[in-house]
PDB file of N, CA and C in Angstrom:
ATOM      1  N   MET A   1     -13.610  17.346  -8.662  1.00  0.00           N
ATOM      2  CA  MET A   1     -12.724  16.764  -8.916  1.00  0.00           C
ATOM      3  C   MET A   1     -11.370  17.567  -8.891  1.00  0.00           C
ATOM      4  N   ILE A   2     -10.187  17.182  -8.059  1.00  0.00           N
ATOM      5  CA  ILE A   2      -9.335  18.279  -7.923  1.00  0.00           C
ATOM      6  C   ILE A   2      -7.896  17.711  -7.837  1.00  0.00           C
ATOM      7  N   LYS A   3      -6.900  18.471  -8.551  1.00  0.00           N
ATOM      8  CA  LYS A   3      -5.471  17.699  -8.569  1.00  0.00           C
ATOM      9  C   LYS A   3      -4.770  17.049  -7.382  1.00  0.00           C
ATOM     10  N   GLY A   4      -4.763  15.785  -7.478  1.00  0.00           N
ATOM     11  CA  GLY A   4      -4.160  14.896  -6.608  1.00  0.00           C
ATOM     12  C   GLY A   4      -5.075  13.864  -6.160  1.00  0.00           C
ATOM     13  N   GLN A   5      -6.335  14.289  -6.474  1.00  0.00           N
ATOM     14  CA  GLN A   5      -7.460  13.376  -5.958  1.00  0.00           C
ATOM     15  C   GLN A   5      -7.163  11.974  -6.740  1.00  0.00           C
ATOM     16  N   LYS A   6      -7.652  10.812  -5.901  1.00  0.00           N
ATOM     17  CA  LYS A   6      -7.619   9.382  -6.538  1.00  0.00           C
ATOM     18  C   LYS A   6      -8.970   9.358  -7.188  1.00  0.00           C
ATOM     19  N   VAL A   7      -9.001   8.650  -8.268  1.00  0.00           N
ATOM     20  CA  VAL A   7     -10.466   8.097  -8.904  1.00  0.00           C
ATOM     21  C   VAL A   7     -10.494   7.069  -9.331  1.00  0.00           C
ATOM     22  N   VAL A   8     -11.356   6.370  -9.898  1.00  0.00           N
ATOM     23  CA  VAL A   8     -11.565   5.016 -10.138  1.00  0.00           C
ATOM     24  C   VAL A   8     -12.321   5.296 -11.417  1.00  0.00           C
ATOM     25  N   CYS A   9     -11.449   4.395 -12.597  1.00  0.00           N
ATOM     26  CA  CYS A   9     -12.244   4.556 -14.078  1.00  0.00           C
ATOM     27  C   CYS A   9     -13.580   3.558 -14.230  1.00  0.00           C
ATOM     28  N   ILE A  10     -14.615   4.395 -14.424  1.00  0.00           N
ATOM     29  CA  ILE A  10     -16.063   3.475 -14.556  1.00  0.00           C
ATOM     30  C   ILE A  10     -16.508   3.360 -15.858  1.00  0.00           C
ATOM     31  N   ASN A  11     -15.657   3.966 -16.895  1.00  0.00           N
ATOM     32  CA  ASN A  11     -15.958   3.743 -18.197  1.00  0.00           C
ATOM     33  C   ASN A  11     -14.928   3.806 -19.266  1.00  0.00           C
ATOM     34  N   ASP A  12     -14.538   2.710 -19.737  1.00  0.00           N
ATOM     35  CA  ASP A  12     -13.557   2.362 -20.427  1.00  0.00           C
ATOM     36  C   ASP A  12     -13.690   2.056 -22.081  1.00  0.00           C
ATOM     37  N   THR A  13     -14.763   2.499 -22.396  1.00  0.00           N
ATOM     38  CA  THR A  13     -15.349   2.147 -23.601  1.00  0.00           C
ATOM     39  C   THR A  13     -15.055   3.258 -24.752  1.00  0.00           C
ATOM     40  N   PHE A  14     -14.082   3.067 -25.715  1.00  0.00           N
ATOM     41  CA  PHE A  14     -13.505   4.100 -26.656  1.00  0.00           C
ATOM     42  C   PHE A  14     -13.648   3.606 -27.964  1.00  0.00           C
ATOM     43  N   THR A  15     -14.294   5.042 -28.941  1.00  0.00           N
ATOM     44  CA  THR A  15     -14.144   4.490 -30.342  1.00  0.00           C
ATOM     45  C   THR A  15     -12.996   4.304 -30.979  1.00  0.00           C
ATOM     46  N   GLY A  16     -12.769   3.451 -32.116  1.00  0.00           N
ATOM     47  CA  GLY A  16     -11.415   3.553 -33.007  1.00  0.00           C
ATOM     48  C   GLY A  16     -10.959   4.635 -33.363  1.00  0.00           C
ATOM     49  N   LEU A  17     -11.462   5.993 -33.178  1.00  0.00           N
ATOM     50  CA  LEU A  17     -10.382   7.085 -33.392  1.00  0.00           C
ATOM     51  C   LEU A  17      -9.825   7.405 -32.124  1.00  0.00           C
ATOM     52  N   ILE A  18     -10.331   7.010 -30.949  1.00  0.00           N
ATOM     53  CA  ILE A  18      -9.539   7.529 -29.595  1.00  0.00           C
ATOM     54  C   ILE A  18      -8.756   6.494 -29.682  1.00  0.00           C
ATOM     55  N   ARG A  19      -8.706   5.326 -29.838  1.00  0.00           N
ATOM     56  CA  ARG A  19      -7.647   4.249 -29.786  1.00  0.00           C
ATOM     57  C   ARG A  19      -6.795   4.331 -30.480  1.00  0.00           C
ATOM     58  N   ALA A  20      -6.998   4.865 -31.930  1.00  0.00           N
ATOM     59  CA  ALA A  20      -5.813   5.598 -32.909  1.00  0.00           C
ATOM     60  C   ALA A  20      -5.148   6.656 -32.376  1.00  0.00           C
ATOM     61  N   LEU A  21      -5.718   7.720 -31.385  1.00  0.00           N
ATOM     62  CA  LEU A  21      -5.093   9.030 -31.261  1.00  0.00           C
ATOM     63  C   LEU A  21      -4.387   8.911 -30.062  1.00  0.00           C
ATOM     64  N   TYR A  22      -4.638   8.163 -28.789  1.00  0.00           N
ATOM     65  CA  TYR A  22      -4.328   8.211 -27.545  1.00  0.00           C
ATOM     66  C   TYR A  22      -3.154   6.807 -27.746  1.00  0.00           C
ATOM     67  N   HIS A  23      -2.172   7.125 -26.639  1.00  0.00           N
ATOM     68  CA  HIS A  23      -0.936   5.921 -26.596  1.00  0.00           C
ATOM     69  C   HIS A  23      -1.352   5.186 -25.376  1.00  0.00           C
ATOM     70  N   GLN A  24      -2.099   5.887 -24.469  1.00  0.00           N
ATOM     71  CA  GLN A  24      -2.537   5.183 -22.993  1.00  0.00           C
ATOM     72  C   GLN A  24      -3.913   5.254 -22.514  1.00  0.00           C
ATOM     73  N   LEU A  25      -4.814   4.143 -22.578  1.00  0.00           N
ATOM     74  CA  LEU A  25      -5.935   4.565 -21.944  1.00  0.00           C
ATOM     75  C   LEU A  25      -6.500   4.074 -20.746  1.00  0.00           C
ATOM     76  N   PRO A  26      -7.262   4.634 -19.805  1.00  0.00           N
ATOM     77  CA  PRO A  26      -7.675   3.863 -18.557  1.00  0.00           C
ATOM     78  C   PRO A  26      -8.485   2.894 -18.819  1.00  0.00           C
ATOM     79  N   VAL A  27      -8.060   2.093 -17.513  1.00  0.00           N
ATOM     80  CA  VAL A  27      -9.154   0.727 -17.677  1.00  0.00           C
ATOM     81  C   VAL A  27     -10.065   0.680 -16.572  1.00  0.00           C
ATOM     82  N   LYS A  28     -11.217   0.286 -16.548  1.00  0.00           N
ATOM     83  CA  LYS A  28     -12.340   0.255 -16.045  1.00  0.00           C
ATOM     84  C   LYS A  28     -12.023  -0.664 -14.494  1.00  0.00           C
ATOM     85  N   GLY A  29     -12.389   0.076 -13.562  1.00  0.00           N
ATOM     86  CA  GLY A  29     -11.838  -0.574 -12.168  1.00  0.00           C
ATOM     87  C   GLY A  29     -10.416  -0.068 -11.710  1.00  0.00           C
ATOM     88  N   ASP A  30      -9.660   0.340 -12.530  1.00  0.00           N
ATOM     89  CA  ASP A  30      -8.511   0.756 -12.084  1.00  0.00           C
ATOM     90  C   ASP A  30      -8.362   2.141 -11.610  1.00  0.00           C
ATOM     91  N   THR A  31      -7.527   2.374 -10.716  1.00  0.00           N
ATOM     92  CA  THR A  31      -7.407   3.747  -9.621  1.00  0.00           C
ATOM     93  C   THR A  31      -6.303   4.659 -10.552  1.00  0.00           C
ATOM     94  N   TYR A  32      -6.549   5.841 -10.417  1.00  0.00           N
ATOM     95  CA  TYR A  32      -5.559   6.771 -11.096  1.00  0.00           C
ATOM     96  C   TYR A  32      -5.454   8.181 -10.128  1.00  0.00           C
ATOM     97  N   THR A  33      -4.421   9.112 -10.442  1.00  0.00           N
ATOM     98  CA  THR A  33      -4.594  10.093  -9.642  1.00  0.00           C
ATOM     99  C   THR A  33      -4.558  11.350 -10.593  1.00  0.00           C
ATOM    100  N   ILE A  34      -5.220  12.326 -10.264  1.00  0.00           N
ATOM    101  CA  ILE A  34      -5.482  13.202 -11.235  1.00  0.00           C
ATOM    102  C   ILE A  34      -4.212  14.258 -11.080  1.00  0.00           C
ATOM    103  N   ARG A  35      -3.715  14.520 -12.577  1.00  0.00           N
ATOM    104  CA  ARG A  35      -2.623  15.308 -12.548  1.00  0.00           C
ATOM    105  C   ARG A  35      -2.998  16.576 -12.753  1.00  0.00           C
ATOM    106  N   GLU A  36      -4.158  17.085 -13.425  1.00  0.00           N
ATOM    107  CA  GLU A  36      -4.584  18.387 -13.793  1.00  0.00           C
ATOM    108  C   GLU A  36      -5.952  18.092 -14.509  1.00  0.00           C
ATOM    109  N   VAL A  37      -6.695  19.243 -13.982  1.00  0.00           N
ATOM    110  CA  VAL A  37      -7.973  19.644 -14.452  1.00  0.00           C
ATOM    111  C   VAL A  37      -8.276  20.582 -15.233  1.00  0.00           C
ATOM    112  N   PHE A  38      -8.891  20.334 -16.604  1.00  0.00           N
ATOM    113  CA  PHE A  38      -8.981  21.443 -17.345  1.00  0.00           C
ATOM    114  C   PHE A  38     -10.251  21.454 -17.912  1.00  0.00           C
ATOM    115  N   LEU A  39     -10.773  22.825 -18.802  1.00  0.00           N
ATOM    116  CA  LEU A  39     -11.913  22.678 -19.415  1.00  0.00           C
ATOM    117  C   LEU A  39     -11.534  22.256 -20.987  1.00  0.00           C
ATOM    118  N   GLY A  40     -12.542  21.227 -21.195  1.00  0.00           N
ATOM    119  CA  GLY A  40     -12.213  20.682 -22.408  1.00  0.00           C
ATOM    120  C   GLY A  40     -13.175  20.552 -23.159  1.00  0.00           C
ATOM    121  N   ARG A  41     -13.032  20.052 -24.563  1.00  0.00           N
ATOM    122  CA  ARG A  41     -14.235  20.107 -25.609  1.00  0.00           C
ATOM    123  C   ARG A  41     -14.897  18.615 -25.368  1.00  0.00           C
ATOM    124  N   GLU A  42     -16.092  18.758 -25.936  1.00  0.00           N
ATOM    125  CA  GLU A  42     -17.072  17.506 -25.673  1.00  0.00           C
ATOM    126  C   GLU A  42     -16.253  16.522 -26.507  1.00  0.00           C
ATOM    127  N   LYS A  43     -16.005  16.670 -27.651  1.00  0.00           N
ATOM    128  CA  LYS A  43     -15.629  15.625 -28.848  1.00  0.00           C
ATOM    129  C   LYS A  43     -14.292  16.014 -29.364  1.00  0.00           C
ATOM    130  N   VAL A  44     -13.461  15.116 -29.615  1.00  0.00           N
ATOM    131  CA  VAL A  44     -12.454  15.555 -30.183  1.00  0.00           C
ATOM    132  C   VAL A  44     -12.148  15.579 -31.771  1.00  0.00           C
ATOM    133  N   VAL A  45     -12.718  16.856 -32.084  1.00  0.00           N
ATOM    134  CA  VAL A  45     -13.160  17.027 -33.631  1.00  0.00           C
ATOM    135  C   VAL A  45     -12.949  18.367 -33.782  1.00  0.00           C
ATOM    136  N   LYS A  46     -12.854  18.813 -34.992  1.00  0.00           N
ATOM    137  CA  LYS A  46     -12.313  20.267 -35.175  1.00  0.00           C
ATOM    138  C   LYS A  46     -13.727  20.852 -35.125  1.00  0.00           C
ATOM    139  N   GLY A  47     -13.526  22.127 -34.420  1.00  0.00           N
ATOM    140  CA  GLY A  47     -14.681  22.826 -34.432  1.00  0.00           C
ATOM    141  C   GLY A  47     -15.466  22.321 -33.077  1.00  0.00           C
ATOM    142  N   GLY A  48     -15.078  21.412 -32.430  1.00  0.00           N
ATOM    143  CA  GLY A  48     -15.829  20.926 -31.339  1.00  0.00           C
ATOM    144  C   GLY A  48     -16.112  21.997 -30.332  1.00  0.00           C
ATOM    145  N   ASP A  49     -17.312  22.829 -29.929  1.00  0.00           N
ATOM    146  CA  ASP A  49     -17.705  23.789 -29.272  1.00  0.00           C
ATOM    147  C   ASP A  49     -18.227  23.407 -27.774  1.00  0.00           C
ATOM    148  N   SER A  50     -18.592  22.319 -27.532  1.00  0.00           N
ATOM    149  CA  SER A  50     -19.200  22.120 -26.182  1.00  0.00           C
ATOM    150  C   SER A  50     -18.139  21.909 -25.314  1.00  0.00           C
ATOM    151  N   ALA A  51     -18.389  22.290 -23.979  1.00  0.00           N
ATOM    152  CA  ALA A  51     -17.095  22.209 -22.859  1.00  0.00           C
ATOM    153  C   ALA A  51     -17.568  20.994 -22.089  1.00  0.00           C
ATOM    154  N   THR A  52     -16.467  20.644 -21.426  1.00  0.00           N
ATOM    155  CA  THR A  52     -16.750  19.679 -20.392  1.00  0.00           C
ATOM    156  C   THR A  52     -15.509  19.673 -19.476  1.00  0.00           C
ATOM    157  N   VAL A  53     -15.508  18.972 -18.376  1.00  0.00           N
ATOM    158  CA  VAL A  53     -14.380  19.088 -17.577  1.00  0.00           C
ATOM    159  C   VAL A  53     -13.390  17.790 -17.628  1.00  0.00           C
ATOM    160  N   GLY A  54     -11.949  18.036 -18.219  1.00  0.00           N
ATOM    161  CA  GLY A  54     -11.262  17.110 -18.791  1.00  0.00           C
ATOM    162  C   GLY A  54     -10.398  16.852 -17.528  1.00  0.00           C
ATOM    163  N   LEU A  55      -9.418  15.761 -17.736  1.00  0.00           N
ATOM    164  CA  LEU A  55      -8.732  15.352 -16.553  1.00  0.00           C
ATOM    165  C   LEU A  55      -7.495  14.849 -17.386  1.00  0.00           C
ATOM    166  N   LEU A  56      -5.923  15.137 -16.725  1.00  0.00           N
ATOM    167  CA  LEU A  56      -4.929  14.442 -17.159  1.00  0.00           C
ATOM    168  C   LEU A  56      -4.403  13.418 -16.009  1.00  0.00           C
ATOM    169  N   LEU A  57      -4.125  12.365 -16.230  1.00  0.00           N
ATOM    170  CA  LEU A  57      -3.696  11.361 -15.139  1.00  0.00           C
ATOM    171  C   LEU A  57      -2.028  11.205 -14.772  1.00  0.00           C
ATOM    172  N   GLU A  58      -1.879  11.270 -13.332  1.00  0.00           N
ATOM    173  CA  GLU A  58      -0.629  10.885 -13.470  1.00  0.00           C
ATOM    174  C   GLU A  58       0.058   9.628 -14.163  1.00  0.00           C
ATOM    175  N   GLU A  59      -0.580   8.655 -13.992  1.00  0.00           N
ATOM    176  CA  GLU A  59      -0.448   7.313 -14.344  1.00  0.00           C
ATOM    177  C   GLU A  59      -0.203   7.016 -16.189  1.00  0.00           C
ATOM    178  N   LEU A  60      -0.877   7.906 -16.813  1.00  0.00           N
ATOM    179  CA  LEU A  60      -1.269   7.725 -18.005  1.00  0.00           C
ATOM    180  C   LEU A  60      -0.685   9.146 -18.841  1.00  0.00           C
ATOM    181  N   ASN A  61       0.282   9.064 -19.980  1.00  0.00           N
ATOM    182  CA  ASN A  61       0.776  10.157 -20.600  1.00  0.00           C
ATOM    183  C   ASN A  61       0.416  10.051 -22.213  1.00  0.00           C
ATOM    184  N   ASN A  62      -0.190  10.853 -22.841  1.00  0.00           N
ATOM    185  CA  ASN A  62      -0.531  10.898 -24.248  1.00  0.00           C
ATOM    186  C   ASN A  62       0.001  12.019 -25.048  1.00  0.00           C
ATOM    187  N   PRO A  63       0.059  11.857 -26.469  1.00  0.00           N
ATOM    188  CA  PRO A  63       0.311  12.987 -27.146  1.00  0.00           C
ATOM    189  C   PRO A  63      -0.513  14.330 -27.312  1.00  0.00           C
ATOM    190  N   PRO A  64      -0.033  15.382 -27.902  1.00  0.00           N
ATOM    191  CA  PRO A  64      -0.967  16.619 -28.041  1.00  0.00           C
ATOM    192  C   PRO A  64      -2.176  16.185 -28.794  1.00  0.00           C
ATOM    193  N   ASP A  65      -3.322  17.087 -28.372  1.00  0.00           N
ATOM    194  CA  ASP A  65      -4.150  17.055 -29.167  1.00  0.00           C
ATOM    195  C   ASP A  65      -4.040  17.901 -30.443  1.00  0.00           C
ATOM    196  N   PRO A  66      -4.366  16.836 -31.711  1.00  0.00           N
ATOM    197  CA  PRO A  66      -4.138  17.356 -32.849  1.00  0.00           C
ATOM    198  C   PRO A  66      -5.182  18.531 -33.084  1.00  0.00           C
ATOM    199  N   PHE A  67      -6.168  18.937 -32.630  1.00  0.00           N
ATOM    200  CA  PHE A  67      -7.154  19.733 -32.683  1.00  0.00           C
ATOM    201  C   PHE A  67      -6.999  20.949 -32.035  1.00  0.00           C
ATOM    202  N   HIS A  68      -5.891  20.997 -30.787  1.00  0.00           N
ATOM    203  CA  HIS A  68      -5.874  22.026 -29.976  1.00  0.00           C
ATOM    204  C   HIS A  68      -4.896  23.078 -30.146  1.00  0.00           C
ATOM    205  N   GLN A  69      -5.294  24.191 -30.524  1.00  0.00           N
ATOM    206  CA  GLN A  69      -4.312  25.301 -30.961  1.00  0.00           C
ATOM    207  C   GLN A  69      -3.102  25.113 -30.055  1.00  0.00           C
ATOM    208  N   GLY A  70      -3.112  25.072 -28.750  1.00  0.00           N
ATOM    209  CA  GLY A  70      -2.025  25.033 -27.713  1.00  0.00           C
ATOM    210  C   GLY A  70      -1.140  23.832 -28.007  1.00  0.00           C
ATOM    211  N   LYS A  71      -1.854  22.622 -28.687  1.00  0.00           N
ATOM    212  CA  LYS A  71      -1.203  21.417 -28.567  1.00  0.00           C
ATOM    213  C   LYS A  71      -1.134  20.632 -27.020  1.00  0.00           C
ATOM    214  N   GLN A  72      -2.297  20.994 -26.349  1.00  0.00           N
ATOM    215  CA  GLN A  72      -2.455  20.446 -25.123  1.00  0.00           C
ATOM    216  C   GLN A  72      -2.513  18.803 -25.089  1.00  0.00           C
ATOM    217  N   GLU A  73      -1.858  18.333 -24.081  1.00  0.00           N
ATOM    218  CA  GLU A  73      -1.793  16.773 -23.972  1.00  0.00           C
ATOM    219  C   GLU A  73      -3.475  16.061 -24.316  1.00  0.00           C
ATOM    220  N   LEU A  74      -3.764  15.081 -24.906  1.00  0.00           N
ATOM    221  CA  LEU A  74      -5.012  14.461 -24.995  1.00  0.00           C
ATOM    222  C   LEU A  74      -5.342  14.076 -23.452  1.00  0.00           C
ATOM    223  N   GLY A  75      -6.699  14.504 -22.743  1.00  0.00           N
ATOM    224  CA  GLY A  75      -7.333  14.167 -21.625  1.00  0.00           C
ATOM    225  C   GLY A  75      -8.553  13.369 -21.661  1.00  0.00           C
ATOM    226  N   PHE A  76      -8.881  13.395 -20.442  1.00  0.00           N
ATOM    227  CA  PHE A  76     -10.321  12.046 -20.609  1.00  0.00           C
ATOM    228  C   PHE A  76     -10.988  13.000 -19.881  1.00  0.00           C
ATOM    229  N   SER A  77     -12.545  12.642 -20.256  1.00  0.00           N
ATOM    230  CA  SER A  77     -13.766  13.471 -19.725  1.00  0.00           C
ATOM    231  C   SER A  77     -13.771  12.923 -18.123  1.00  0.00           C
ATOM    232  N   SER A  78     -13.962  13.918 -17.412  1.00  0.00           N
ATOM    233  CA  SER A  78     -14.289  13.565 -15.852  1.00  0.00           C
ATOM    234  C   SER A  78     -15.408  12.589 -15.791  1.00  0.00           C
ATOM    235  N   GLU A  79     -16.409  12.381 -16.767  1.00  0.00           N
ATOM    236  CA  GLU A  79     -17.511  11.606 -16.469  1.00  0.00           C
ATOM    237  C   GLU A  79     -16.925  10.067 -16.517  1.00  0.00           C
ATOM    238  N   ARG A  80     -15.723   9.876 -17.174  1.00  0.00           N
ATOM    239  CA  ARG A  80     -15.326   8.549 -17.060  1.00  0.00           C
ATOM    240  C   ARG A  80     -14.741   7.942 -15.962  1.00  0.00           C
ATOM    241  N   PHE A  81     -14.582   9.016 -14.689  1.00  0.00           N
ATOM    242  CA  PHE A  81     -14.302   8.315 -13.444  1.00  0.00           C
ATOM    243  C   PHE A  81     -15.091   8.662 -11.976  1.00  0.00           C
ATOM    244  N   ALA A  82     -14.950   8.050 -11.296  1.00  0.00           N
ATOM    245  CA  ALA A  82     -15.593   8.428  -9.880  1.00  0.00           C
ATOM    246  C   ALA A  82     -14.697   8.669  -8.650  1.00  0.00           C
ATOM    247  N   PRO A  83     -15.008   9.518  -8.034  1.00  0.00           N
ATOM    248  CA  PRO A  83     -13.885   9.677  -6.656  1.00  0.00           C
ATOM    249  C   PRO A  83     -13.766   8.321  -6.234  1.00  0.00           C
ATOM    250  N   LEU A  84     -12.370   8.246  -5.674  1.00  0.00           N
ATOM    251  CA  LEU A  84     -11.965   7.103  -5.062  1.00  0.00           C
ATOM    252  C   LEU A  84     -12.610   7.182  -3.472  1.00  0.00           C
ATOM    253  N   GLU A  85     -13.656   6.437  -2.742  1.00  0.00           N
ATOM    254  CA  GLU A  85     -13.830   6.597  -1.421  1.00  0.00           C
ATOM    255  C   GLU A  85     -12.604   5.812  -0.809  1.00  0.00           C
ATOM    256  N   GLU A  86     -11.851   6.479   0.052  1.00  0.00           N
ATOM    257  CA  GLU A  86     -10.552   5.837   0.785  1.00  0.00           C
ATOM    258  C   GLU A  86     -11.099   5.496   1.605  1.00  0.00           C
ATOM    259  N   LEU A  87     -10.657   4.392   2.390  1.00  0.00           N
ATOM    260  CA  LEU A  87     -10.844   3.916   3.621  1.00  0.00           C
ATOM    261  C   LEU A  87     -10.025   4.723   4.684  1.00  0.00           C
ATOM    262  N   PRO A  88     -10.529   4.962   5.953  1.00  0.00           N
ATOM    263  CA  PRO A  88      -9.716   5.439   7.088  1.00  0.00           C
ATOM    264  C   PRO A  88      -8.426   4.527   7.026  1.00  0.00           C
ATOM    265  N   ASP A  89      -7.329   5.208   7.714  1.00  0.00           N
ATOM    266  CA  ASP A  89      -6.188   4.431   7.910  1.00  0.00           C
ATOM    267  C   ASP A  89      -6.641   3.704   9.082  1.00  0.00           C
ATOM    268  N   VAL A  90      -6.314   2.425   8.955  1.00  0.00           N
ATOM    269  CA  VAL A  90      -6.602   1.162   9.890  1.00  0.00           C
ATOM    270  C   VAL A  90      -5.730   1.522  11.426  1.00  0.00           C
ATOM    271  N   GLU A  91      -4.702   2.008  11.256  1.00  0.00           N
ATOM    272  CA  GLU A  91      -4.052   2.056  12.585  1.00  0.00           C
ATOM    273  C   GLU A  91      -4.662   3.438  13.365  1.00  0.00           C
ATOM    274  N   GLU A  92      -5.051   4.538  12.506  1.00  0.00           N
ATOM    275  CA  GLU A  92      -5.704   5.831  13.052  1.00  0.00           C
ATOM    276  C   GLU A  92      -7.247   5.415  13.705  1.00  0.00           C
ATOM    277  N   GLU A  93      -7.596   4.476  12.958  1.00  0.00           N
ATOM    278  CA  GLU A  93      -9.400   3.944  13.756  1.00  0.00           C
ATOM    279  C   GLU A  93      -8.813   3.286  14.832  1.00  0.00           C
ATOM    280  N   ILE A  94      -8.322   2.316  14.911  1.00  0.00           N
ATOM    281  CA  ILE A  94      -7.585   1.823  16.274  1.00  0.00           C
ATOM    282  C   ILE A  94      -7.207   2.540  17.033  1.00  0.00           C
ATOM    283  N   THR A  95      -6.470   3.604  16.759  1.00  0.00           N
ATOM    284  CA  THR A  95      -5.814   4.588  18.111  1.00  0.00           C
ATOM    285  C   THR A  95      -7.053   5.511  18.073  1.00  0.00           C
ATOM    286  N   MET A  96      -8.000   6.173  17.706  1.00  0.00           N
ATOM    287  CA  MET A  96      -9.386   6.849  17.922  1.00  0.00           C
ATOM    288  C   MET A  96     -10.428   5.566  18.826  1.00  0.00           C
ATOM    289  N   GLY A  97     -10.367   4.475  18.767  1.00  0.00           N
ATOM    290  CA  GLY A  97     -11.221   3.730  19.347  1.00  0.00           C
ATOM    291  C   GLY A  97     -10.565   3.293  20.382  1.00  0.00           C
ATOM    292  N   ALA A  98      -9.303   3.126  20.541  1.00  0.00           N
ATOM    293  CA  ALA A  98      -9.018   2.873  21.689  1.00  0.00           C
ATOM    294  C   ALA A  98      -9.064   3.698  23.070  1.00  0.00           C
ATOM    295  N   GLY A  99      -9.170   5.247  22.817  1.00  0.00           N
ATOM    296  CA  GLY A  99      -9.621   6.010  23.994  1.00  0.00           C
ATOM    297  C   GLY A  99     -11.073   6.243  24.374  1.00  0.00           C
ATOM    298  N   ALA A 100     -11.615   5.782  23.321  1.00  0.00           N
ATOM    299  CA  ALA A 100     -13.424   5.932  23.591  1.00  0.00           C
ATOM    300  C   ALA A 100     -13.630   5.161  24.838  1.00  0.00           C
ATOM    301  N   GLY A 101     -14.731   6.123  25.378  1.00  0.00           N
ATOM    302  CA  GLY A 101     -15.169   5.247  26.651  1.00  0.00           C
ATOM    303  C   GLY A 101     -14.258   5.356  27.825  1.00  0.00           C
ATOM    304  N   GLN A 102     -13.380   5.926  27.921  1.00  0.00           N
ATOM    305  CA  GLN A 102     -12.173   5.885  28.932  1.00  0.00           C
ATOM    306  C   GLN A 102     -13.087   6.790  30.040  1.00  0.00           C
ATOM    307  N   GLY A 103     -12.989   6.272  31.237  1.00  0.00           N
ATOM    308  CA  GLY A 103     -13.956   7.199  32.346  1.00  0.00           C
ATOM    309  C   GLY A 103     -15.352   6.448  32.282  1.00  0.00           C
ATOM    310  N   ASP A 104     -15.815   5.854  31.484  1.00  0.00           N
ATOM    311  CA  ASP A 104     -17.120   5.021  31.478  1.00  0.00           C
ATOM    312  C   ASP A 104     -17.056   3.820  31.632  1.00  0.00           C
ATOM    313  N   HIS A 105     -16.269   3.306  32.829  1.00  0.00           N
ATOM    314  CA  HIS A 105     -15.956   1.989  33.156  1.00  0.00           C
ATOM    315  C   HIS A 105     -17.420   1.321  33.117  1.00  0.00           C
ATOM    316  N   TRP A 106     -18.403   1.606  33.537  1.00  0.00           N
ATOM    317  CA  TRP A 106     -19.749   1.070  34.112  1.00  0.00           C
ATOM    318  C   TRP A 106     -20.138   0.473  32.475  1.00  0.00           C
ATOM    319  N   MET A 107     -19.601   0.761  31.440  1.00  0.00           N
ATOM    320  CA  MET A 107     -20.052   0.335  29.962  1.00  0.00           C
ATOM    321  C   MET A 107     -19.274  -0.901  29.892  1.00  0.00           C
ATOM    322  N   ASN A 108     -18.192  -1.220  30.591  1.00  0.00           N
ATOM    323  CA  ASN A 108     -17.390  -2.236  30.268  1.00  0.00           C
ATOM    324  C   ASN A 108     -18.007  -3.779  30.687  1.00  0.00           C
TER     325      ASN A 108
END
């Protein structure tokens, strides 16, 4: 997952602690844009030492992580999201299809 990539939320089940700490949470099925990718802790607890890939999203803003020394914004585990498979632009597809087969008149 990279900055600027569109993702869809596939898991919006959160504990009461998370709901208390965060101001905004993702909703399953909604699309978001990755604002930042970072190395985060597996759990939001003092001394959490397992690492995971964390995401900050353009559409959601949250307070600083109370357990992070640098007071980084609370983010989300990348495992809660799947890359959005964007469909090709319809106009581009039509343009590409219009030129196909030119010179192959026997196929018409």
